[in-house]
Protein backbone atom coordinates (compact mmCIF):
# COMPACT_ATOMS: atom_id res chain seq x y z
CA UNK A 1 10.26 76.91 -64.65
CA UNK A 2 13.06 78.50 -62.63
CA UNK A 3 10.43 79.76 -60.18
CA UNK A 4 9.02 76.36 -59.73
CA UNK A 5 12.40 74.80 -58.98
CA UNK A 6 13.38 77.51 -56.53
CA UNK A 7 10.00 77.24 -54.80
CA UNK A 8 10.35 73.47 -54.49
CA UNK A 9 13.78 73.80 -52.98
CA UNK A 10 12.51 76.24 -50.41
CA UNK A 11 9.74 73.86 -49.37
CA UNK A 12 12.19 70.94 -48.95
CA UNK A 13 14.47 73.07 -46.81
CA UNK A 14 11.60 74.03 -44.55
CA UNK A 15 10.47 70.41 -44.21
CA UNK A 16 13.96 69.18 -43.42
CA UNK A 17 14.39 71.90 -40.84
CA UNK A 18 11.04 71.07 -39.26
CA UNK A 19 11.84 67.36 -39.04
CA UNK A 20 15.23 68.05 -37.55
CA UNK A 21 13.75 70.02 -34.70
CA UNK A 22 10.70 67.84 -33.82
CA UNK A 23 10.39 65.23 -30.92
CA UNK A 24 13.24 62.70 -30.90
CA UNK A 25 14.23 59.61 -28.83
CA UNK A 26 17.80 60.22 -27.81
CA UNK A 27 18.63 56.97 -25.93
CA UNK A 28 21.61 55.12 -27.39
CA UNK A 29 21.71 52.11 -25.04
CA UNK A 30 21.38 48.41 -26.02
CA UNK A 31 18.05 47.22 -27.36
CA UNK A 32 18.49 43.67 -25.97
CA UNK A 33 18.96 43.07 -22.26
CA UNK A 34 19.46 39.83 -20.29
CA UNK A 35 18.80 39.77 -16.58
CA UNK A 36 18.50 37.15 -13.87
CA UNK A 37 15.28 36.49 -12.07
CA UNK A 38 14.63 38.50 -8.90
CA UNK A 39 16.92 41.25 -10.16
CA UNK A 40 15.93 44.76 -11.36
CA UNK A 41 16.31 46.37 -14.75
CA UNK A 42 16.09 49.89 -16.20
CA UNK A 43 14.48 50.23 -19.61
CA UNK A 44 15.99 53.45 -20.99
CA UNK A 45 13.90 55.92 -23.00
CA UNK A 46 15.28 59.48 -23.15
CA UNK A 47 13.64 62.04 -25.47
CA UNK A 48 13.88 65.66 -26.54
CA UNK A 49 11.15 68.08 -27.69
CA UNK A 50 11.09 70.69 -30.44
CA UNK A 51 9.52 74.13 -30.14
CA UNK A 52 6.83 73.03 -32.57
CA UNK A 53 5.74 70.21 -30.20
CA UNK A 54 3.05 72.07 -28.33
CA UNK A 55 0.47 69.38 -27.63
CA UNK A 56 -0.02 67.46 -24.36
CA UNK A 57 2.71 64.96 -23.43
CA UNK A 58 1.73 61.25 -23.36
CA UNK A 59 4.15 58.40 -22.49
CA UNK A 60 3.07 54.80 -22.87
CA UNK A 61 5.01 51.62 -22.11
CA UNK A 62 3.52 48.38 -23.47
CA UNK A 63 4.47 44.71 -23.69
CA UNK A 64 4.07 43.70 -27.31
CA UNK A 65 2.20 40.47 -27.98
CA UNK A 66 4.25 37.69 -29.53
CA UNK A 67 1.20 36.61 -31.52
CA UNK A 68 -0.40 39.07 -33.94
CA UNK A 69 -3.84 37.83 -32.91
CA UNK A 70 -3.31 39.02 -29.33
CA UNK A 71 -3.39 42.56 -28.02
CA UNK A 72 -0.48 44.46 -26.58
CA UNK A 73 -0.47 44.92 -22.81
CA UNK A 74 -0.11 48.48 -21.45
CA UNK A 75 2.36 48.31 -18.58
CA UNK A 76 2.59 51.94 -17.38
CA UNK A 77 1.21 55.27 -18.60
CA UNK A 78 1.90 58.99 -18.16
CA UNK A 79 -0.80 61.40 -19.31
CA UNK A 80 -2.07 64.80 -18.16
CA UNK A 81 0.92 65.27 -15.84
CA UNK A 82 -0.02 62.08 -13.95
CA UNK A 83 1.50 58.56 -13.85
CA UNK A 84 -0.66 55.44 -14.02
CA UNK A 85 1.35 52.42 -12.87
CA UNK A 86 -1.26 49.69 -12.29
CA UNK A 87 -2.39 48.94 -15.81
CA UNK A 88 -0.90 45.44 -16.11
CA UNK A 89 -1.67 43.12 -13.14
CA UNK A 90 1.36 40.90 -13.84
CA UNK A 91 3.75 43.77 -12.97
CA UNK A 92 1.56 45.61 -10.52
CA UNK A 93 3.70 47.31 -7.90
CA UNK A 94 6.93 46.42 -9.76
CA UNK A 95 6.93 49.03 -12.58
CA UNK A 96 7.81 52.68 -11.87
CA UNK A 97 9.01 55.70 -13.84
CA UNK A 98 12.67 56.42 -13.34
CA UNK A 99 11.99 60.17 -13.00
CA UNK A 100 9.46 61.81 -10.74
CA UNK A 101 8.63 64.21 -13.60
CA UNK A 102 8.92 62.38 -16.96
CA UNK A 103 8.07 65.50 -18.99
CA UNK A 104 11.63 66.72 -18.40
CA UNK A 105 12.78 64.24 -21.06
CA UNK A 106 13.20 60.95 -19.11
CA UNK A 107 10.54 58.34 -19.95
CA UNK A 108 12.64 55.44 -18.64
CA UNK A 109 11.05 52.88 -16.29
CA UNK A 110 12.38 50.44 -13.69
CA UNK A 111 11.14 46.85 -13.31
CA UNK A 112 11.91 45.19 -9.97
CA UNK A 113 11.67 41.56 -8.80
CA UNK A 114 11.98 40.20 -12.33
CA UNK A 115 10.29 36.93 -13.20
CA UNK A 116 10.72 34.64 -16.16
CA UNK A 117 7.21 35.68 -17.28
CA UNK A 118 8.50 39.26 -17.70
CA UNK A 119 10.45 38.17 -20.76
CA UNK A 120 9.27 39.97 -23.91
CA UNK A 121 9.58 43.03 -26.17
CA UNK A 122 8.79 46.36 -24.50
CA UNK A 123 7.93 49.51 -26.44
CA UNK A 124 8.32 53.11 -25.25
CA UNK A 125 6.05 55.55 -27.14
CA UNK A 126 6.30 59.31 -26.58
CA UNK A 127 3.65 61.60 -28.08
CA UNK A 128 3.52 65.38 -28.08
CA UNK A 129 1.65 66.68 -31.05
CA UNK A 130 2.64 66.85 -33.73
CA UNK A 131 5.65 64.68 -32.76
CA UNK A 132 5.41 60.91 -32.13
CA UNK A 133 8.41 58.63 -31.51
CA UNK A 134 8.90 55.11 -30.13
CA UNK A 135 11.65 52.70 -29.11
CA UNK A 136 11.62 48.90 -28.67
CA UNK A 137 13.74 46.79 -26.34
CA UNK A 138 13.95 43.01 -25.87
CA UNK A 139 14.11 41.89 -22.24
CA UNK A 140 15.08 38.31 -21.44
CA UNK A 141 14.67 37.25 -17.83
CA UNK A 142 16.81 34.19 -17.17
CA UNK A 143 16.68 31.87 -14.19
CA UNK A 144 20.06 31.25 -12.65
CA UNK A 145 21.00 27.58 -12.18
CA UNK A 146 19.89 25.93 -8.98
CA UNK A 147 22.45 24.09 -6.89
CA UNK A 148 23.24 20.95 -8.91
CA UNK A 149 23.20 17.42 -7.55
CA UNK A 150 26.33 15.32 -8.01
CA UNK A 151 26.22 11.52 -8.10
CA UNK A 152 28.16 8.50 -9.34
CA UNK A 153 26.52 5.73 -11.36
CA UNK A 154 27.88 2.20 -11.56
CA UNK A 155 30.17 0.15 -9.36
CA UNK A 156 33.10 2.17 -8.08
CA UNK A 157 35.48 -0.74 -8.54
CA UNK A 158 38.83 -0.79 -10.22
CA UNK A 159 38.54 -1.69 -13.90
CA UNK A 160 34.84 -0.72 -14.15
CA UNK A 161 33.29 2.25 -15.99
CA UNK A 162 32.01 4.97 -13.64
CA UNK A 163 29.71 7.80 -14.76
CA UNK A 164 29.70 11.04 -12.75
CA UNK A 165 26.47 13.02 -13.15
CA UNK A 166 25.71 16.68 -12.45
CA UNK A 167 22.14 17.95 -12.83
CA UNK A 168 20.58 21.31 -12.01
CA UNK A 169 16.78 21.20 -11.62
CA UNK A 170 16.30 24.89 -12.48
CA UNK A 171 18.00 27.28 -14.84
CA UNK A 172 17.40 28.92 -18.19
CA UNK A 173 19.11 27.29 -21.12
CA UNK A 174 21.71 27.17 -22.38
CA UNK A 175 23.24 25.55 -19.31
CA UNK A 176 26.88 24.53 -19.40
CA UNK A 177 28.45 21.95 -17.05
CA UNK A 178 32.15 21.66 -16.27
CA UNK A 179 34.03 19.07 -14.18
CA UNK A 180 37.33 19.55 -12.40
CA UNK A 181 39.35 17.62 -9.87
CA UNK A 182 40.30 19.54 -6.75
CA UNK A 183 42.48 16.97 -4.98
CA UNK A 184 45.84 15.28 -5.62
CA UNK A 185 47.31 16.44 -8.93
CA UNK A 186 44.03 18.18 -9.97
CA UNK A 187 44.09 16.44 -13.34
CA UNK A 188 41.07 14.62 -14.70
CA UNK A 189 41.58 10.93 -15.54
CA UNK A 190 43.01 10.41 -19.01
CA UNK A 191 40.09 8.14 -19.94
CA UNK A 192 37.41 10.68 -18.88
CA UNK A 193 34.84 11.73 -21.51
CA UNK A 194 32.96 14.98 -20.77
CA UNK A 195 29.48 16.05 -21.88
CA UNK A 196 29.12 19.80 -21.12
CA UNK A 197 25.43 19.87 -22.08
CA UNK A 198 24.29 16.70 -20.29
CA UNK A 199 26.59 17.31 -17.32
CA UNK A 200 28.17 13.83 -17.30
CA UNK A 201 31.75 12.60 -17.11
CA UNK A 202 32.37 8.99 -18.07
CA UNK A 203 35.50 7.54 -16.47
CA UNK A 204 36.34 4.39 -18.42
CA UNK A 205 38.38 1.58 -16.87
CA UNK A 206 38.64 3.46 -13.60
CA UNK A 207 41.73 2.99 -11.47
CA UNK A 208 42.55 3.82 -7.89
CA UNK A 209 44.31 6.97 -9.12
CA UNK A 210 40.87 8.23 -10.22
CA UNK A 211 39.85 8.53 -6.58
CA UNK A 212 39.56 12.01 -5.18
CA UNK A 213 37.37 15.10 -4.86
CA UNK A 214 35.56 16.42 -7.94
CA UNK A 215 33.66 19.68 -8.45
CA UNK A 216 30.91 20.28 -11.00
CA UNK A 217 29.87 23.81 -12.00
CA UNK A 218 26.56 24.61 -13.73
CA UNK A 219 26.33 28.08 -15.29
CA UNK A 220 24.42 30.19 -17.77
CA UNK A 221 24.53 33.87 -18.73
CA UNK A 222 23.19 35.09 -15.39
CA UNK A 223 24.75 32.88 -12.73
CA UNK A 224 26.46 29.68 -11.64
CA UNK A 225 26.25 27.05 -8.92
CA UNK A 226 28.44 24.06 -8.01
CA UNK A 227 28.46 20.76 -6.12
CA UNK A 228 31.20 18.53 -4.69
CA UNK A 229 31.57 14.75 -5.17
CA UNK A 230 33.93 12.45 -3.30
CA UNK A 231 34.88 9.47 -5.51
CA UNK A 232 36.56 6.39 -4.12
CA UNK A 233 37.71 3.58 -6.45
CA UNK A 234 38.36 0.32 -4.58
CA UNK A 235 40.03 -2.92 -5.77
CA UNK A 236 37.64 -5.68 -6.84
CA UNK A 237 36.70 -8.17 -4.09
CA UNK A 238 38.10 -11.74 -3.88
CA UNK A 239 35.40 -13.53 -5.83
CA UNK A 240 36.83 -17.02 -5.19
CA UNK A 241 36.86 -16.43 -1.44
CA UNK A 242 33.27 -15.18 -1.49
CA UNK A 243 32.11 -18.26 -3.43
CA UNK A 244 33.99 -20.62 -1.10
CA UNK A 245 32.53 -18.91 1.96
CA UNK A 246 29.03 -19.15 0.51
CA UNK A 247 29.46 -22.89 -0.20
CA UNK A 248 30.75 -23.55 3.33
CA UNK A 249 27.85 -21.61 4.82
CA UNK A 250 25.34 -23.64 2.77
CA UNK A 251 26.96 -26.93 3.81
CA UNK A 252 26.92 -25.96 7.48
CA UNK A 253 23.27 -25.03 7.20
CA UNK A 254 22.46 -28.40 5.61
CA UNK A 255 24.37 -30.26 8.33
CA UNK A 256 22.54 -28.39 11.07
CA UNK A 257 19.19 -29.12 9.42
CA UNK A 258 20.10 -32.83 9.10
CA UNK A 259 21.07 -33.02 12.80
CA UNK A 260 17.80 -31.38 13.84
CA UNK A 261 15.77 -33.79 11.69
CA UNK A 262 17.68 -36.81 13.07
CA UNK A 263 17.07 -35.75 16.68
CA UNK A 264 13.38 -35.16 15.99
CA UNK A 265 12.95 -38.59 14.34
CA UNK A 266 14.84 -40.34 17.14
CA UNK A 267 12.74 -38.68 19.84
CA UNK A 268 9.56 -39.60 17.97
CA UNK A 269 10.56 -43.27 17.62
CA UNK A 270 11.51 -43.47 21.32
CA UNK A 271 8.15 -42.09 22.36
CA UNK A 272 6.38 -44.57 20.07
CA UNK A 273 8.41 -47.51 21.50
CA UNK A 274 7.65 -46.54 25.10
CA UNK A 275 3.97 -46.33 24.28
CA UNK A 276 3.93 -49.84 22.75
CA UNK A 277 5.77 -51.33 25.78
CA UNK A 278 3.21 -49.82 28.15
CA UNK A 279 0.40 -51.44 26.17
CA UNK A 280 2.09 -54.90 26.38
CA UNK A 281 2.52 -54.61 30.15
CA UNK A 282 -1.16 -53.82 30.62
CA UNK A 283 -2.20 -56.90 28.59
CA UNK A 284 0.12 -59.42 30.39
CA UNK A 285 -0.43 -58.50 34.06
CA UNK A 286 -3.69 -59.90 35.66
CA UNK A 287 -5.84 -57.57 37.77
CA UNK A 288 -4.90 -57.30 41.48
CA UNK A 289 -6.74 -59.40 44.07
CA UNK A 290 -9.17 -57.73 46.38
CA UNK A 291 -8.22 -57.60 50.05
CA UNK A 292 -11.85 -58.10 51.02
CA UNK A 293 -12.06 -61.22 48.84
CA UNK A 294 -8.94 -62.58 50.49
CA UNK A 295 -10.42 -62.01 53.92
CA UNK A 296 -13.63 -63.70 52.82
CA UNK A 297 -11.58 -66.70 51.60
CA UNK A 298 -9.95 -67.11 55.02
CA UNK A 299 -13.38 -66.96 56.69
CA UNK A 300 -14.79 -69.55 54.31
CA UNK A 301 -11.86 -71.87 54.94
CA UNK A 302 -12.40 -71.64 58.68
CA UNK A 303 -16.08 -72.29 58.23
CA UNK A 304 -15.38 -75.37 56.12
CA UNK A 305 -13.00 -76.72 58.72
CA UNK A 306 -15.71 -76.35 61.36
CA UNK A 307 -18.26 -77.98 59.14
CA UNK A 308 -15.97 -80.86 58.30
CA UNK A 309 -15.39 -81.48 61.95
CA UNK A 310 -19.08 -82.00 62.58
CA UNK A 311 -19.88 -83.93 59.44
CA UNK A 312 -20.38 -87.62 59.22
CA UNK A 313 -19.45 -89.82 56.32
CA UNK A 314 -23.09 -89.97 55.40
CA UNK A 315 -23.36 -86.29 54.53
CA UNK A 316 -20.02 -85.73 52.80
CA UNK A 317 -21.64 -86.01 49.42
CA UNK A 318 -24.02 -83.25 50.40
CA UNK A 319 -21.14 -81.01 51.36
CA UNK A 320 -19.55 -81.61 48.02
CA UNK A 321 -22.66 -80.13 46.39
CA UNK A 322 -22.20 -76.83 48.24
CA UNK A 323 -21.01 -73.96 46.07
CA UNK A 324 -17.32 -73.19 46.38
CA UNK A 325 -17.29 -69.48 47.36
CA UNK A 326 -13.74 -69.60 48.58
CA UNK A 327 -12.38 -70.34 45.14
CA UNK A 328 -10.51 -67.46 43.53
CA UNK A 329 -11.83 -66.91 39.99
CA UNK A 330 -9.41 -67.14 37.09
CA UNK A 331 -8.73 -64.42 34.46
CA UNK A 332 -11.15 -66.05 32.01
CA UNK A 333 -13.90 -66.03 34.64
CA UNK A 334 -13.27 -62.33 35.30
CA UNK A 335 -13.65 -61.53 31.60
CA UNK A 336 -16.78 -63.72 31.12
CA UNK A 337 -19.98 -61.62 31.10
CA UNK A 338 -22.44 -62.19 33.93
CA UNK A 339 -24.89 -63.88 31.56
CA UNK A 340 -22.31 -66.63 30.80
CA UNK A 341 -21.25 -67.28 34.38
CA UNK A 342 -21.90 -70.92 35.47
CA UNK A 343 -24.75 -71.37 37.89
CA UNK A 344 -24.12 -73.27 41.13
CA UNK A 345 -25.73 -76.70 41.36
CA UNK A 346 -28.98 -76.83 43.27
CA UNK A 347 -28.79 -77.83 46.94
CA UNK A 348 -30.97 -80.70 48.10
CA UNK A 349 -33.95 -79.69 50.07
CA UNK A 350 -32.93 -81.93 52.93
CA UNK A 351 -29.93 -79.61 53.52
CA UNK A 352 -32.17 -77.04 55.14
CA UNK A 353 -31.22 -74.79 57.99
CA UNK A 354 -32.36 -77.15 60.82
CA UNK A 355 -30.47 -80.09 59.40
CA UNK A 356 -27.26 -78.07 59.16
CA UNK A 357 -27.67 -76.92 62.74
CA UNK A 358 -28.00 -80.52 63.97
CA UNK A 359 -24.89 -81.36 62.01
CA UNK A 360 -22.99 -78.77 63.98
CA UNK A 361 -22.51 -76.30 61.08
CA UNK A 362 -21.94 -72.61 61.79
CA UNK A 363 -23.89 -70.07 59.72
CA UNK A 364 -21.66 -67.59 57.95
CA UNK A 365 -22.92 -64.61 55.90
CA UNK A 366 -21.18 -64.44 52.51
CA UNK A 367 -21.34 -60.94 50.98
CA UNK A 368 -21.95 -60.59 47.24
CA UNK A 369 -19.06 -59.62 44.99
CA UNK A 370 -18.66 -58.34 41.46
CA UNK A 371 -16.50 -59.59 38.57
CA UNK A 372 -13.22 -58.12 39.84
CA UNK A 373 -13.70 -59.73 43.26
CA UNK A 374 -14.55 -56.64 45.27
CA UNK A 375 -17.46 -56.64 47.76
CA UNK A 376 -20.65 -54.99 46.53
């Protein structure tokens, strides 16, 4: 029984001694790291070997899958005294061993040009048979805030509520917004209500003393950006004067329209009146006498005088039967169609050409004429 106990104690001592001198990870740095995008980070993994660790040295860095159903991604590998750095396409060309010869006890790696997609849990595993050790580190790549945009919502009038807004389009949460006044007394209005998460500042019942220059700062764990806003609170406008001016402008416009309509109607009536007067003049005035007809009348009168001088009392009644060509037709005769014109009375056969010659008459050619008295 005593032999058994002493033998067991000897075995435990040997095992404890063997464990104490096998491969160990000696890094004591933080296991959670926060970095900004585009920066670089060193993932520390220092180790030490025991004399019993005689197998080949293998170092493997992998990005552990957040879902158990997915496989881990090997990022970089050292095996057979050679480094393999292009295992994971997402970090190709950005992952390198910190030491040119990792077997000297430095398995740390450097990641450059960090992206938000590089966020995750990285595991360093060192194997040298019979020793195997590993270390995990959480890397969080944060995006620094982009330059925020400052603006003022609402009417910047005295007595109104004005909301100052500050928004950053990029940046990893949690983002914090702060407002400060940089002009005058550098004190925020007493009625201002701040929202550090939403980035707003509500200035209630704003006064002219609220005018000035304001600065908003957006920040997270990896950076900060700011914007400047110039706020001007003005007194309210004279509403009564604006209304009176609007009424006067409307009345003037109506008066101008009325004057234009009156002038147009007057000009139209005048044109209509002149047109009616011209029609009346055309109806009352008879057509002008033809100069040729007048000349023919004088010739006929002279012919009649010659005929009368050679006539005897016995043939006066025959002369009376002659058609009166020297008579000027009246307006009614002008307007009567040719079919209704009166026919001249027939001349007695005994008034032939020889008889007229013996009577001393002179033959005169009478040209034909139309209704208006002109010669055809």
